C-alpha atoms as a PDB file:
ATOM      1  CA  MET A   1     -41.125  13.866 -26.291  1.00  0.00           C
ATOM      2  CA  MET A   2     -37.413  14.269 -25.737  1.00  0.00           C
ATOM      3  CA  LEU A   3     -37.285  11.729 -23.003  1.00  0.00           C
ATOM      4  CA  THR A   4     -37.170   9.189 -25.879  1.00  0.00           C
ATOM      5  CA  LEU A   5     -33.447  10.357 -26.084  1.00  0.00           C
ATOM      6  CA  TYR A   6     -32.508   8.874 -23.067  1.00  0.00           C
ATOM      7  CA  ARG A   7     -34.048   5.454 -23.072  1.00  0.00           C
ATOM      8  CA  ARG A   8     -33.162   2.465 -25.283  1.00  0.00           C
ATOM      9  CA  VAL A   9     -35.478   1.758 -28.038  1.00  0.00           C
ATOM     10  CA  ASN A  10     -37.398  -1.357 -28.058  1.00  0.00           C
ATOM     11  CA  PRO A  11     -35.939  -3.197 -31.085  1.00  0.00           C
ATOM     12  CA  VAL A  12     -39.495  -4.457 -31.902  1.00  0.00           C
ATOM     13  CA  ASN A  13     -40.590  -0.768 -32.322  1.00  0.00           C
ATOM     14  CA  LYS A  14     -37.695   0.102 -34.399  1.00  0.00           C
ATOM     15  CA  ILE A  15     -39.116  -0.248 -37.869  1.00  0.00           C
ATOM     16  CA  LYS A  16     -41.886   2.042 -36.958  1.00  0.00           C
ATOM     17  CA  LYS A  17     -41.986   4.957 -39.398  1.00  0.00           C
ATOM     18  CA  LEU A  18     -40.774   8.324 -38.287  1.00  0.00           C
ATOM     19  CA  THR A  19     -40.554  11.557 -40.244  1.00  0.00           C
ATOM     20  CA  GLY A  20     -37.133  12.481 -40.552  1.00  0.00           C
ATOM     21  CA  LEU A  21     -35.778  12.848 -37.034  1.00  0.00           C
ATOM     22  CA  THR A  22     -38.415  15.248 -35.880  1.00  0.00           C
ATOM     23  CA  ARG A  23     -40.081  13.087 -33.288  1.00  0.00           C
ATOM     24  CA  VAL A  24     -36.691  11.409 -32.000  1.00  0.00           C
ATOM     25  CA  ILE A  25     -34.016  14.315 -32.196  1.00  0.00           C
ATOM     26  CA  GLY A  26     -35.974  17.197 -33.676  1.00  0.00           C
ATOM     27  CA  PHE A  27     -33.887  18.057 -36.688  1.00  0.00           C
ATOM     28  CA  GLY A  28     -36.969  20.085 -37.918  1.00  0.00           C
ATOM     29  CA  HIS A  29     -37.412  18.730 -41.328  1.00  0.00           C
ATOM     30  CA  ASN A  30     -40.923  17.259 -42.381  1.00  0.00           C
ATOM     31  CA  GLU A  31     -40.495  16.604 -45.892  1.00  0.00           C
ATOM     32  CA  PRO A  32     -38.151  13.784 -46.863  1.00  0.00           C
ATOM     33  CA  PRO A  33     -36.251  13.925 -50.133  1.00  0.00           C
ATOM     34  CA  ALA A  34     -37.311  11.972 -53.213  1.00  0.00           C
ATOM     35  CA  GLN A  35     -36.200   8.389 -52.388  1.00  0.00           C
ATOM     36  CA  GLY A  36     -36.582   6.222 -55.801  1.00  0.00           C
ATOM     37  CA  GLU A  37     -33.753   6.970 -57.866  1.00  0.00           C
ATOM     38  CA  ALA A  38     -31.599   8.727 -55.543  1.00  0.00           C
ATOM     39  CA  GLY A  39     -31.820   5.810 -53.015  1.00  0.00           C
ATOM     40  CA  ASN A  40     -31.038   3.121 -55.557  1.00  0.00           C
ATOM     41  CA  THR A  41     -28.070   4.920 -56.999  1.00  0.00           C
ATOM     42  CA  THR A  42     -26.694   5.583 -53.581  1.00  0.00           C
ATOM     43  CA  ILE A  43     -26.848   2.010 -52.570  1.00  0.00           C
ATOM     44  CA  THR A  44     -25.733   0.764 -55.919  1.00  0.00           C
ATOM     45  CA  GLN A  45     -22.728   3.164 -55.520  1.00  0.00           C
ATOM     46  CA  ALA A  46     -22.085   1.654 -52.127  1.00  0.00           C
ATOM     47  CA  ALA A  47     -21.954  -1.779 -53.387  1.00  0.00           C
ATOM     48  CA  HIS A  48     -19.728  -0.922 -56.206  1.00  0.00           C
ATOM     49  CA  GLU A  49     -17.261   0.792 -53.565  1.00  0.00           C
ATOM     50  CA  PHE A  50     -17.199  -2.310 -51.629  1.00  0.00           C
ATOM     51  CA  SER A  51     -16.559  -4.424 -54.508  1.00  0.00           C
ATOM     52  CA  THR A  52     -13.647  -2.033 -56.134  1.00  0.00           C
ATOM     53  CA  MET A  53     -12.068  -1.685 -52.435  1.00  0.00           C
ATOM     54  CA  ALA A  54     -11.500  -5.538 -52.408  1.00  0.00           C
ATOM     55  CA  ASN A  55      -9.456  -5.171 -55.869  1.00  0.00           C
ATOM     56  CA  GLU A  56      -7.585  -2.132 -54.500  1.00  0.00           C
ATOM     57  CA  ALA A  57      -6.731  -3.477 -51.324  1.00  0.00           C
ATOM     58  CA  ASP A  58      -3.965  -5.818 -52.230  1.00  0.00           C
ATOM     59  CA  SER A  59      -2.116  -2.943 -53.974  1.00  0.00           C
ATOM     60  CA  ILE A  60      -2.693  -0.697 -50.942  1.00  0.00           C
ATOM     61  CA  SER A  61      -1.581  -3.299 -48.651  1.00  0.00           C
ATOM     62  CA  ARG A  62       1.337  -4.089 -50.410  1.00  0.00           C
ATOM     63  CA  SER A  63       2.272  -0.532 -50.873  1.00  0.00           C
ATOM     64  CA  SER A  64       1.491   0.259 -46.956  1.00  0.00           C
ATOM     65  CA  SER A  65       3.559  -2.870 -46.000  1.00  0.00           C
ATOM     66  CA  ARG A  66       6.576  -1.858 -48.054  1.00  0.00           C
ATOM     67  CA  CYS A  67       6.557   1.736 -46.693  1.00  0.00           C
ATOM     68  CA  LEU A  68       6.083   0.576 -42.982  1.00  0.00           C
ATOM     69  CA  SER A  69       8.624  -2.387 -43.325  1.00  0.00           C
ATOM     70  CA  SER A  70      11.345  -0.419 -44.891  1.00  0.00           C
ATOM     71  CA  ASN A  71      11.446   3.382 -44.315  1.00  0.00           C
ATOM     72  CA  THR A  72       9.198   3.614 -41.297  1.00  0.00           C
ATOM     73  CA  SER A  73      10.289   0.919 -38.967  1.00  0.00           C
ATOM     74  CA  THR A  74      11.946   1.364 -35.554  1.00  0.00           C
ATOM     75  CA  PRO A  75      14.598  -1.188 -34.420  1.00  0.00           C
ATOM     76  CA  ASP A  76      11.962  -3.204 -32.732  1.00  0.00           C
ATOM     77  CA  GLY A  77       9.701  -3.490 -35.776  1.00  0.00           C
ATOM     78  CA  ASN A  78       7.075  -1.070 -35.002  1.00  0.00           C
ATOM     79  CA  PRO A  79       5.882   1.115 -37.607  1.00  0.00           C
ATOM     80  CA  ARG A  80       7.465   4.801 -37.005  1.00  0.00           C
ATOM     81  CA  VAL A  81       4.403   6.576 -38.934  1.00  0.00           C
ATOM     82  CA  LYS A  82       1.807   6.890 -35.850  1.00  0.00           C
ATOM     83  CA  ARG A  83      -1.869   6.759 -36.597  1.00  0.00           C
ATOM     84  CA  VAL A  84      -3.971   9.148 -34.430  1.00  0.00           C
ATOM     85  CA  SER A  85      -7.534  10.109 -34.726  1.00  0.00           C
ATOM     86  CA  ILE A  86      -9.406  13.438 -33.523  1.00  0.00           C
ATOM     87  CA  GLU A  87     -12.678  12.461 -31.957  1.00  0.00           C
ATOM     88  CA  GLY A  88     -15.505  14.819 -30.626  1.00  0.00           C
ATOM     89  CA  ASN A  89     -18.864  16.046 -31.289  1.00  0.00           C
ATOM     90  CA  ILE A  90     -20.328  17.890 -34.131  1.00  0.00           C
ATOM     91  CA  ALA A  91     -18.929  21.430 -34.375  1.00  0.00           C
ATOM     92  CA  VAL A  92     -16.443  21.016 -31.353  1.00  0.00           C
ATOM     93  CA  GLY A  93     -13.790  22.416 -33.476  1.00  0.00           C
ATOM     94  CA  LYS A  94     -12.037  19.470 -35.082  1.00  0.00           C
ATOM     95  CA  SER A  95     -11.296  21.198 -38.307  1.00  0.00           C
ATOM     96  CA  THR A  96      -9.925  24.198 -36.638  1.00  0.00           C
ATOM     97  CA  PHE A  97      -7.748  21.999 -34.393  1.00  0.00           C
ATOM     98  CA  ALA A  98      -6.742  19.938 -37.289  1.00  0.00           C
ATOM     99  CA  ARG A  99      -5.288  23.010 -39.231  1.00  0.00           C
ATOM    100  CA  LEU A 100      -3.501  23.881 -36.060  1.00  0.00           C
ATOM    101  CA  LEU A 101      -1.682  20.843 -36.110  1.00  0.00           C
ATOM    102  CA  GLN A 102      -1.062  20.781 -39.833  1.00  0.00           C
ATOM    103  CA  SER A 103       0.666  24.084 -39.373  1.00  0.00           C
ATOM    104  CA  ALA A 104       2.702  23.126 -36.169  1.00  0.00           C
ATOM    105  CA  SER A 105       4.978  20.621 -37.457  1.00  0.00           C
ATOM    106  CA  PRO A 106       6.251  19.284 -40.808  1.00  0.00           C
ATOM    107  CA  ASP A 107       6.166  15.792 -39.283  1.00  0.00           C
ATOM    108  CA  TRP A 108       2.358  15.753 -38.636  1.00  0.00           C
ATOM    109  CA  GLU A 109       0.019  15.141 -41.599  1.00  0.00           C
ATOM    110  CA  VAL A 110      -3.701  15.842 -41.059  1.00  0.00           C
ATOM    111  CA  VAL A 111      -6.308  13.987 -43.242  1.00  0.00           C
ATOM    112  CA  ALA A 112      -9.733  15.830 -43.336  1.00  0.00           C
ATOM    113  CA  GLU A 113     -13.064  14.063 -42.846  1.00  0.00           C
ATOM    114  CA  PRO A 114     -14.373  13.142 -46.319  1.00  0.00           C
ATOM    115  CA  VAL A 115     -17.507  15.502 -45.871  1.00  0.00           C
ATOM    116  CA  SER A 116     -17.356  16.457 -49.643  1.00  0.00           C
ATOM    117  CA  LYS A 117     -17.741  12.923 -50.586  1.00  0.00           C
ATOM    118  CA  TRP A 118     -21.198  12.700 -48.818  1.00  0.00           C
ATOM    119  CA  GLN A 119     -22.231  15.870 -50.225  1.00  0.00           C
ATOM    120  CA  ASN A 120     -21.529  14.935 -53.885  1.00  0.00           C
ATOM    121  CA  ILE A 121     -22.349  11.327 -54.832  1.00  0.00           C
ATOM    122  CA  GLU A 122     -22.195  11.118 -58.486  1.00  0.00           C
ATOM    123  CA  SER A 123     -24.120   8.340 -60.270  1.00  0.00           C
ATOM    124  CA  GLY A 124     -24.784   7.709 -64.025  1.00  0.00           C
ATOM    125  CA  THR A 125     -28.326   6.911 -65.286  1.00  0.00           C
ATOM    126  CA  MET A 126     -29.274   5.318 -68.367  1.00  0.00           C
ATOM    127  CA  LYS A 127     -31.801   7.111 -70.463  1.00  0.00           C
ATOM    128  CA  GLY A 128     -33.152   6.885 -74.028  1.00  0.00           C
ATOM    129  CA  THR A 129     -32.419   4.062 -76.577  1.00  0.00           C
ATOM    130  CA  CYS A 130     -29.065   5.417 -77.205  1.00  0.00           C
ATOM    131  CA  ALA A 131     -28.142   4.628 -73.535  1.00  0.00           C
ATOM    132  CA  SER A 132     -26.491   7.932 -73.232  1.00  0.00           C
ATOM    133  CA  SER A 133     -25.050   8.493 -69.520  1.00  0.00           C
ATOM    134  CA  GLN A 134     -26.297  11.504 -67.572  1.00  0.00           C
ATOM    135  CA  THR A 135     -24.723  12.325 -64.168  1.00  0.00           C
ATOM    136  CA  ALA A 136     -27.068  12.849 -61.127  1.00  0.00           C
ATOM    137  CA  VAL A 137     -25.520  14.114 -57.969  1.00  0.00           C
ATOM    138  CA  SER A 138     -27.019  13.414 -54.422  1.00  0.00           C
ATOM    139  CA  ASN A 139     -26.239  15.157 -51.113  1.00  0.00           C
ATOM    140  CA  LEU A 140     -26.343  11.928 -48.823  1.00  0.00           C
ATOM    141  CA  LEU A 141     -25.527  14.072 -45.830  1.00  0.00           C
ATOM    142  CA  GLN A 142     -28.577  16.385 -46.446  1.00  0.00           C
ATOM    143  CA  MET A 143     -30.654  13.153 -47.099  1.00  0.00           C
ATOM    144  CA  MET A 144     -29.701  11.593 -44.011  1.00  0.00           C
ATOM    145  CA  TYR A 145     -30.476  14.923 -41.849  1.00  0.00           C
ATOM    146  CA  GLN A 146     -33.974  15.418 -43.661  1.00  0.00           C
ATOM    147  CA  ASP A 147     -35.158  11.591 -43.073  1.00  0.00           C
ATOM    148  CA  ALA A 148     -32.940   9.669 -40.863  1.00  0.00           C
ATOM    149  CA  GLN A 149     -35.275   6.741 -40.680  1.00  0.00           C
ATOM    150  CA  ARG A 150     -34.948   6.227 -44.475  1.00  0.00           C
ATOM    151  CA  TRP A 151     -31.116   7.108 -44.874  1.00  0.00           C
ATOM    152  CA  SER A 152     -29.401   6.388 -41.530  1.00  0.00           C
ATOM    153  CA  TYR A 153     -28.184   3.001 -42.525  1.00  0.00           C
ATOM    154  CA  THR A 154     -27.053   4.022 -46.032  1.00  0.00           C
ATOM    155  CA  PHE A 155     -25.319   7.044 -44.837  1.00  0.00           C
ATOM    156  CA  GLN A 156     -23.310   5.164 -41.966  1.00  0.00           C
ATOM    157  CA  THR A 157     -22.335   2.464 -44.684  1.00  0.00           C
ATOM    158  CA  TYR A 158     -20.915   5.202 -47.056  1.00  0.00           C
ATOM    159  CA  SER A 159     -19.313   7.306 -44.391  1.00  0.00           C
ATOM    160  CA  CYS A 160     -17.481   4.195 -42.915  1.00  0.00           C
ATOM    161  CA  MET A 161     -16.536   3.014 -46.358  1.00  0.00           C
ATOM    162  CA  SER A 162     -15.114   6.447 -47.229  1.00  0.00           C
ATOM    163  CA  ARG A 163     -13.271   6.699 -44.037  1.00  0.00           C
ATOM    164  CA  LEU A 164     -11.764   3.041 -44.225  1.00  0.00           C
ATOM    165  CA  ARG A 165     -10.530   4.112 -47.875  1.00  0.00           C
ATOM    166  CA  THR A 166      -8.787   7.122 -46.393  1.00  0.00           C
ATOM    167  CA  GLN A 167      -7.191   5.379 -43.685  1.00  0.00           C
ATOM    168  CA  LEU A 168      -5.969   2.598 -46.069  1.00  0.00           C
ATOM    169  CA  GLN A 169      -3.873   5.273 -47.913  1.00  0.00           C
ATOM    170  CA  PRO A 170      -0.072   4.790 -47.319  1.00  0.00           C
ATOM    171  CA  PRO A 171       1.573   7.724 -45.550  1.00  0.00           C
ATOM    172  CA  PRO A 172       2.931  10.590 -47.687  1.00  0.00           C
ATOM    173  CA  ALA A 173       6.530  10.513 -48.900  1.00  0.00           C
ATOM    174  CA  ARG A 174       7.593  13.422 -46.669  1.00  0.00           C
ATOM    175  CA  LEU A 175       6.583  11.556 -43.647  1.00  0.00           C
ATOM    176  CA  LEU A 176       8.374   8.396 -44.654  1.00  0.00           C
ATOM    177  CA  SER A 177      11.701  10.429 -44.873  1.00  0.00           C
ATOM    178  CA  SER A 178      11.128  12.165 -41.681  1.00  0.00           C
ATOM    179  CA  GLU A 179      13.651  12.103 -38.880  1.00  0.00           C
ATOM    180  CA  GLY A 180      11.452  13.171 -36.224  1.00  0.00           C
ATOM    181  CA  THR A 181       8.311  11.682 -34.996  1.00  0.00           C
ATOM    182  CA  PRO A 182       5.821  11.194 -38.121  1.00  0.00           C
ATOM    183  CA  VAL A 183       2.213  11.225 -37.287  1.00  0.00           C
ATOM    184  CA  GLN A 184      -0.845  10.733 -39.608  1.00  0.00           C
ATOM    185  CA  VAL A 185      -3.889  12.211 -37.879  1.00  0.00           C
ATOM    186  CA  TYR A 186      -7.360  11.688 -38.921  1.00  0.00           C
ATOM    187  CA  GLU A 187     -10.631  13.701 -38.500  1.00  0.00           C
ATOM    188  CA  ARG A 188     -12.595  11.058 -36.737  1.00  0.00           C
ATOM    189  CA  SER A 189     -12.161   7.028 -37.704  1.00  0.00           C
ATOM    190  CA  VAL A 190     -13.779   3.835 -38.849  1.00  0.00           C
ATOM    191  CA  TYR A 191     -14.131   3.188 -34.848  1.00  0.00           C
ATOM    192  CA  SER A 192     -16.183   6.489 -34.297  1.00  0.00           C
ATOM    193  CA  ASP A 193     -18.192   5.763 -37.179  1.00  0.00           C
ATOM    194  CA  ARG A 194     -19.351   2.515 -35.445  1.00  0.00           C
ATOM    195  CA  TYR A 195     -19.411   3.143 -31.664  1.00  0.00           C
ATOM    196  CA  ILE A 196     -20.534   6.825 -31.964  1.00  0.00           C
ATOM    197  CA  PHE A 197     -22.725   7.715 -34.891  1.00  0.00           C
ATOM    198  CA  ALA A 198     -24.100   4.297 -36.155  1.00  0.00           C
ATOM    199  CA  LEU A 199     -24.602   3.195 -32.485  1.00  0.00           C
ATOM    200  CA  ASN A 200     -26.303   6.459 -31.651  1.00  0.00           C
ATOM    201  CA  MET A 201     -28.719   5.999 -34.641  1.00  0.00           C
ATOM    202  CA  PHE A 202     -29.590   2.391 -33.613  1.00  0.00           C
ATOM    203  CA  GLU A 203     -30.455   3.481 -30.090  1.00  0.00           C
ATOM    204  CA  LEU A 204     -32.686   6.359 -31.572  1.00  0.00           C
ATOM    205  CA  GLY A 205     -34.411   3.844 -33.595  1.00  0.00           C
ATOM    206  CA  CYS A 206     -33.405   5.176 -36.904  1.00  0.00           C
ATOM    207  CA  ILE A 207     -31.174   1.976 -37.669  1.00  0.00           C
ATOM    208  CA  ASN A 208     -33.355  -0.908 -37.166  1.00  0.00           C
ATOM    209  CA  SER A 209     -32.295  -4.258 -35.322  1.00  0.00           C
ATOM    210  CA  THR A 210     -31.677  -6.078 -38.742  1.00  0.00           C
ATOM    211  CA  GLU A 211     -29.711  -3.166 -40.159  1.00  0.00           C
ATOM    212  CA  TRP A 212     -27.404  -2.717 -37.193  1.00  0.00           C
ATOM    213  CA  ALA A 213     -26.646  -6.687 -37.128  1.00  0.00           C
ATOM    214  CA  ILE A 214     -25.615  -6.368 -40.867  1.00  0.00           C
ATOM    215  CA  TYR A 215     -23.627  -3.073 -40.162  1.00  0.00           C
ATOM    216  CA  GLN A 216     -21.667  -4.738 -37.128  1.00  0.00           C
ATOM    217  CA  ASP A 217     -21.146  -7.824 -39.151  1.00  0.00           C
ATOM    218  CA  TRP A 218     -19.518  -6.309 -42.265  1.00  0.00           C
ATOM    219  CA  HIS A 219     -17.609  -3.708 -40.141  1.00  0.00           C
ATOM    220  CA  SER A 220     -16.230  -6.614 -38.032  1.00  0.00           C
ATOM    221  CA  LEU A 221     -15.165  -8.411 -41.276  1.00  0.00           C
ATOM    222  CA  LEU A 222     -13.459  -5.437 -42.670  1.00  0.00           C
ATOM    223  CA  MET A 223     -11.404  -4.691 -39.486  1.00  0.00           C
ATOM    224  CA  GLU A 224     -10.489  -8.349 -39.378  1.00  0.00           C
ATOM    225  CA  GLN A 225      -9.125  -7.969 -43.056  1.00  0.00           C
ATOM    226  CA  PHE A 226      -7.455  -4.471 -42.700  1.00  0.00           C
ATOM    227  CA  GLY A 227      -7.297  -3.792 -39.096  1.00  0.00           C
ATOM    228  CA  HIS A 228      -3.767  -3.819 -38.900  1.00  0.00           C
ATOM    229  CA  GLN A 229      -3.284  -1.170 -41.576  1.00  0.00           C
ATOM    230  CA  VAL A 230      -5.901   1.450 -39.841  1.00  0.00           C
ATOM    231  CA  GLU A 231      -5.175   0.465 -36.175  1.00  0.00           C
ATOM    232  CA  LEU A 232      -4.782   3.472 -34.026  1.00  0.00           C
ATOM    233  CA  GLU A 233      -1.598   4.352 -31.769  1.00  0.00           C
ATOM    234  CA  GLY A 234      -3.750   7.187 -29.921  1.00  0.00           C
ATOM    235  CA  ILE A 235      -6.957   9.292 -29.802  1.00  0.00           C
ATOM    236  CA  ILE A 236      -7.053  12.869 -29.258  1.00  0.00           C
ATOM    237  CA  TYR A 237     -10.609  13.720 -27.693  1.00  0.00           C
ATOM    238  CA  LEU A 238     -11.851  17.464 -28.061  1.00  0.00           C
ATOM    239  CA  ARG A 239     -14.114  17.630 -25.192  1.00  0.00           C
ATOM    240  CA  ALA A 240     -16.726  20.474 -24.798  1.00  0.00           C
ATOM    241  CA  LEU A 241     -20.305  20.705 -23.585  1.00  0.00           C
ATOM    242  CA  PRO A 242     -22.961  20.388 -26.175  1.00  0.00           C
ATOM    243  CA  GLN A 243     -24.065  24.029 -25.591  1.00  0.00           C
ATOM    244  CA  LYS A 244     -20.756  25.064 -26.942  1.00  0.00           C
ATOM    245  CA  CYS A 245     -20.804  22.844 -29.825  1.00  0.00           C
ATOM    246  CA  MET A 246     -24.418  24.215 -30.632  1.00  0.00           C
ATOM    247  CA  GLU A 247     -22.963  27.903 -30.725  1.00  0.00           C
ATOM    248  CA  ARG A 248     -20.193  26.908 -32.955  1.00  0.00           C
ATOM    249  CA  LEU A 249     -22.618  24.919 -35.145  1.00  0.00           C
ATOM    250  CA  GLN A 250     -24.953  27.940 -35.689  1.00  0.00           C
ATOM    251  CA  ARG A 251     -21.880  30.097 -36.261  1.00  0.00           C
ATOM    252  CA  ARG A 252     -20.449  27.960 -39.189  1.00  0.00           C
ATOM    253  CA  GLY A 253     -23.688  27.690 -40.690  1.00  0.00           C
ATOM    254  CA  ARG A 254     -23.320  24.508 -42.847  1.00  0.00           C
ATOM    255  CA  SER A 255     -26.722  24.239 -44.733  1.00  0.00           C
ATOM    256  CA  GLU A 256     -27.207  20.493 -43.900  1.00  0.00           C
ATOM    257  CA  GLU A 257     -27.035  21.115 -40.247  1.00  0.00           C
ATOM    258  CA  LYS A 258     -29.567  23.972 -39.780  1.00  0.00           C
ATOM    259  CA  GLY A 259     -32.209  21.597 -38.191  1.00  0.00           C
ATOM    260  CA  VAL A 260     -29.865  20.019 -35.793  1.00  0.00           C
ATOM    261  CA  LYS A 261     -31.152  20.265 -32.230  1.00  0.00           C
ATOM    262  CA  LEU A 262     -29.297  20.514 -28.842  1.00  0.00           C
ATOM    263  CA  ASP A 263     -30.924  17.115 -27.838  1.00  0.00           C
ATOM    264  CA  TYR A 264     -29.067  15.373 -30.770  1.00  0.00           C
ATOM    265  CA  LEU A 265     -25.614  16.870 -29.592  1.00  0.00           C
ATOM    266  CA  ASN A 266     -26.418  15.818 -25.946  1.00  0.00           C
ATOM    267  CA  LYS A 267     -26.829  12.456 -27.225  1.00  0.00           C
ATOM    268  CA  LEU A 268     -23.533  12.240 -29.109  1.00  0.00           C
ATOM    269  CA  HIS A 269     -21.703  13.948 -26.163  1.00  0.00           C
ATOM    270  CA  ILE A 270     -22.959  11.018 -24.050  1.00  0.00           C
ATOM    271  CA  GLN A 271     -21.674   8.396 -26.551  1.00  0.00           C
ATOM    272  CA  HIS A 272     -18.419  10.084 -26.460  1.00  0.00           C
ATOM    273  CA  GLU A 273     -18.116  10.099 -22.847  1.00  0.00           C
ATOM    274  CA  ARG A 274     -19.005   6.410 -22.554  1.00  0.00           C
ATOM    275  CA  TRP A 275     -16.286   5.400 -25.216  1.00  0.00           C
ATOM    276  CA  LEU A 276     -13.365   7.699 -24.362  1.00  0.00           C
ATOM    277  CA  VAL A 277     -13.935   8.606 -20.612  1.00  0.00           C
ATOM    278  CA  GLU A 278     -15.967   6.110 -18.775  1.00  0.00           C
ATOM    279  CA  LYS A 279     -14.663   3.254 -20.964  1.00  0.00           C
ATOM    280  CA  SER A 280     -18.147   1.634 -20.778  1.00  0.00           C
ATOM    281  CA  THR A 281     -18.998   1.177 -24.548  1.00  0.00           C
ATOM    282  CA  GLU A 282     -18.765  -2.406 -25.676  1.00  0.00           C
ATOM    283  CA  LEU A 283     -15.815  -2.719 -28.021  1.00  0.00           C
ATOM    284  CA  HIS A 284     -15.030  -5.681 -30.253  1.00  0.00           C
ATOM    285  CA  PHE A 285     -11.403  -4.982 -30.986  1.00  0.00           C
ATOM    286  CA  GLU A 286      -8.960  -5.768 -28.351  1.00  0.00           C
ATOM    287  CA  LYS A 287      -6.295  -3.386 -29.315  1.00  0.00           C
ATOM    288  CA  LEU A 288      -8.761  -0.311 -29.200  1.00  0.00           C
ATOM    289  CA  LYS A 289      -9.368  -0.978 -25.537  1.00  0.00           C
ATOM    290  CA  HIS A 290      -6.011  -0.020 -24.842  1.00  0.00           C
ATOM    291  CA  VAL A 291      -5.423   2.762 -27.092  1.00  0.00           C
ATOM    292  CA  PRO A 292      -4.268   5.980 -25.085  1.00  0.00           C
ATOM    293  CA  VAL A 293      -6.569   9.139 -25.089  1.00  0.00           C
ATOM    294  CA  LEU A 294      -5.569  12.610 -24.970  1.00  0.00           C
ATOM    295  CA  GLN A 295      -8.347  14.776 -23.547  1.00  0.00           C
ATOM    296  CA  LEU A 296      -8.306  18.639 -24.618  1.00  0.00           C
ATOM    297  CA  ASP A 297     -10.718  21.140 -23.147  1.00  0.00           C
ATOM    298  CA  ALA A 298     -12.010  22.452 -26.393  1.00  0.00           C
ATOM    299  CA  SER A 299     -14.744  24.811 -24.847  1.00  0.00           C
ATOM    300  CA  VAL A 300     -11.925  27.400 -24.925  1.00  0.00           C
ATOM    301  CA  GLU A 301     -11.608  29.581 -27.995  1.00  0.00           C
ATOM    302  CA  PHE A 302      -8.051  28.303 -29.053  1.00  0.00           C
ATOM    303  CA  GLN A 303      -8.467  29.508 -32.449  1.00  0.00           C
ATOM    304  CA  SER A 304      -8.051  33.199 -31.052  1.00  0.00           C
ATOM    305  CA  ASP A 305      -5.952  32.586 -28.181  1.00  0.00           C
ATOM    306  CA  PRO A 306      -2.186  32.141 -29.022  1.00  0.00           C
ATOM    307  CA  ASP A 307      -1.340  30.982 -25.567  1.00  0.00           C
ATOM    308  CA  VAL A 308      -4.007  28.214 -25.559  1.00  0.00           C
ATOM    309  CA  ARG A 309      -2.732  27.089 -28.871  1.00  0.00           C
ATOM    310  CA  GLU A 310       0.784  26.812 -27.523  1.00  0.00           C
ATOM    311  CA  GLN A 311      -0.602  24.832 -24.560  1.00  0.00           C
ATOM    312  CA  PHE A 312      -2.419  22.467 -27.038  1.00  0.00           C
ATOM    313  CA  VAL A 313       0.545  21.883 -29.440  1.00  0.00           C
ATOM    314  CA  THR A 314       2.947  21.176 -26.438  1.00  0.00           C
ATOM    315  CA  LYS A 315       0.459  18.639 -25.044  1.00  0.00           C
ATOM    316  CA  VAL A 316       0.095  16.936 -28.441  1.00  0.00           C
ATOM    317  CA  THR A 317       3.682  16.796 -29.021  1.00  0.00           C
ATOM    318  CA  ASN A 318       4.342  15.158 -25.757  1.00  0.00           C
ATOM    319  CA  PHE A 319       1.511  12.713 -26.501  1.00  0.00           C
ATOM    320  CA  PHE A 320       2.698  11.826 -29.825  1.00  0.00           C
ATOM    321  CA  ASN A 321       6.510  11.235 -28.498  1.00  0.00           C
ATOM    322  CA  ASN A 322       5.099   8.784 -25.917  1.00  0.00           C
ATOM    323  CA  LEU A 323       2.971   6.779 -28.157  1.00  0.00           C
END
């Protein structure tokens, strides 16, 4: 059964109904959440986010442009505040590594992955003749894990949108006034959303060929519009075997991930290797093809080993200085 992980699914068969991911990647949930109201409110919120993002983009763009053109430009016109993403498998240690970087230098600002937004999507529902509003909260991350066939496209739409919103925010004032090498570091990016997670769900058949075509179309459009504001100068790839990631996943005990199986982590590991090591993933943005990648061996327990932490910080410092 698990052999289906390693072959491309025929697009004609992608819309065949699966129960969660139990047949494909073995998340282990057989009862999907209620879809009616939750599904509608989640998709409605996604549509609303896209419309408001367009209105906000001009002001954010002007603010970012002012910052980058005045306080953060080098003599050759390049922005001084570097943008770098931390990429890696689920539970590889990104959050721990991010905290290490945050404490290592005042010139580095780490932006956390917006997991809490995915877990707490609020929506107002109209009820009664008085049209009083009641708040419903949906955990889209959990919904996706429980029934990926139903929710993968919705989740990837919202996760990419929330990452884009995060990456569009201008740098904090302390970075703009830094005399060192200021760097804004993101836990994952709008690029890994597409070339790791959305692509993976498409290859597993949890996103069908029509959804995949639509996802790529709006993703490319957004990158054409905002790409200059979210382009990366560098990528840090935390690399570890899927078995090590599984150990850490079980140790942290995030409730939504309790059904994740090793086969799924294996598949994500392959996607990361294709993109960041083998360079065989088909990319659609020319600058992304040339972004330098720093590989770090995340299989070591760097959280508890001060020598390893020091080595990591030294390597990252050199990497940032050469961007």
